[in-house]
Amino acid sequence: MIRLTGNDSLALHFWHRLGMWFIIAFVIAHVYTAIREDIMSRQSVISVMISGWRWFR
């Protein structure tokens, strides 16, 4: 992989960190939207996965 960056280890380090921050932001956004959907929606899908009980609001 280091050859793809022109033998520049700092460039490889930068792209690796950028990719990891993208994955972290992606996970945080998806967890946030799932919890928000559970709160705003009538179906409580996330609550069903955790508790096993389904109730409609």
C-alpha atoms as a PDB file:
ATOM      1  CA  MET A   1       0.000   0.000   0.000  1.00  0.00           C
ATOM      2  CA  ILE A   2       2.832   2.389   0.681  1.00  0.00           C
ATOM      3  CA  ARG A   3       3.841   2.228  -2.993  1.00  0.00           C
ATOM      4  CA  LEU A   4       0.436   3.599  -3.994  1.00  0.00           C
ATOM      5  CA  THR A   5       1.195   6.794  -2.084  1.00  0.00           C
ATOM      6  CA  GLY A   6       4.590   7.249  -3.737  1.00  0.00           C
ATOM      7  CA  ASN A   7       6.578   5.775  -0.812  1.00  0.00           C
ATOM      8  CA  ASP A   8       5.184   8.481   1.457  1.00  0.00           C
ATOM      9  CA  SER A   9       4.261   6.928   4.788  1.00  0.00           C
ATOM     10  CA  LEU A  10       2.699  10.166   6.056  1.00  0.00           C
ATOM     11  CA  ALA A  11       0.286  10.227   3.119  1.00  0.00           C
ATOM     12  CA  LEU A  12      -0.675   6.626   3.830  1.00  0.00           C
ATOM     13  CA  HIS A  13      -1.143   7.484   7.503  1.00  0.00           C
ATOM     14  CA  PHE A  14      -3.341  10.454   6.538  1.00  0.00           C
ATOM     15  CA  TRP A  15      -5.577   8.384   4.227  1.00  0.00           C
ATOM     16  CA  HIS A  16      -5.870   5.645   6.850  1.00  0.00           C
ATOM     17  CA  ARG A  17      -6.934   8.106   9.542  1.00  0.00           C
ATOM     18  CA  LEU A  18      -9.348   9.831   7.164  1.00  0.00           C
ATOM     19  CA  GLY A  19     -10.941   6.484   6.311  1.00  0.00           C
ATOM     20  CA  MET A  20     -11.249   5.529   9.971  1.00  0.00           C
ATOM     21  CA  TRP A  21     -12.895   8.865  10.836  1.00  0.00           C
ATOM     22  CA  PHE A  22     -15.322   8.329   7.955  1.00  0.00           C
ATOM     23  CA  ILE A  23     -16.271   4.898   9.323  1.00  0.00           C
ATOM     24  CA  ILE A  24     -16.693   6.301  12.852  1.00  0.00           C
ATOM     25  CA  ALA A  25     -18.905   9.142  11.580  1.00  0.00           C
ATOM     26  CA  PHE A  26     -20.908   6.650   9.496  1.00  0.00           C
ATOM     27  CA  VAL A  27     -21.575   4.433  12.539  1.00  0.00           C
ATOM     28  CA  ILE A  28     -22.494   7.386  14.772  1.00  0.00           C
ATOM     29  CA  ALA A  29     -24.904   8.739  12.142  1.00  0.00           C
ATOM     30  CA  HIS A  30     -26.591   5.362  11.718  1.00  0.00           C
ATOM     31  CA  VAL A  31     -26.963   4.757  15.451  1.00  0.00           C
ATOM     32  CA  TYR A  32     -28.381   8.280  15.861  1.00  0.00           C
ATOM     33  CA  THR A  33     -30.895   7.851  13.036  1.00  0.00           C
ATOM     34  CA  ALA A  34     -31.974   4.433  14.339  1.00  0.00           C
ATOM     35  CA  ILE A  35     -32.580   5.785  17.851  1.00  0.00           C
ATOM     36  CA  ARG A  36     -34.334   8.875  16.465  1.00  0.00           C
ATOM     37  CA  GLU A  37     -36.557   6.713  14.277  1.00  0.00           C
ATOM     38  CA  ASP A  38     -37.419   4.589  17.311  1.00  0.00           C
ATOM     39  CA  ILE A  39     -38.412   7.677  19.291  1.00  0.00           C
ATOM     40  CA  MET A  40     -40.328   9.424  16.493  1.00  0.00           C
ATOM     41  CA  SER A  41     -41.959   6.383  14.883  1.00  0.00           C
ATOM     42  CA  ARG A  42     -44.993   4.465  16.087  1.00  0.00           C
ATOM     43  CA  GLN A  43     -43.396   1.027  15.659  1.00  0.00           C
ATOM     44  CA  SER A  44     -40.520   1.118  18.209  1.00  0.00           C
ATOM     45  CA  VAL A  45     -38.260  -1.197  16.198  1.00  0.00           C
ATOM     46  CA  ILE A  46     -35.100  -0.661  18.260  1.00  0.00           C
ATOM     47  CA  SER A  47     -36.984  -1.131  21.529  1.00  0.00           C
ATOM     48  CA  VAL A  48     -38.300  -4.459  20.234  1.00  0.00           C
ATOM     49  CA  MET A  49     -34.748  -5.654  19.522  1.00  0.00           C
ATOM     50  CA  ILE A  50     -33.660  -4.757  23.055  1.00  0.00           C
ATOM     51  CA  SER A  51     -36.666  -5.684  25.190  1.00  0.00           C
ATOM     52  CA  GLY A  52     -38.566  -8.188  23.054  1.00  0.00           C
ATOM     53  CA  TRP A  53     -41.883  -6.413  23.608  1.00  0.00           C
ATOM     54  CA  ARG A  54     -43.650  -4.600  20.789  1.00  0.00           C
ATOM     55  CA  TRP A  55     -46.025  -1.766  21.433  1.00  0.00           C
ATOM     56  CA  PHE A  56     -47.509   0.787  19.107  1.00  0.00           C
ATOM     57  CA  ARG A  57     -47.704   4.391  20.191  1.00  0.00           C
END
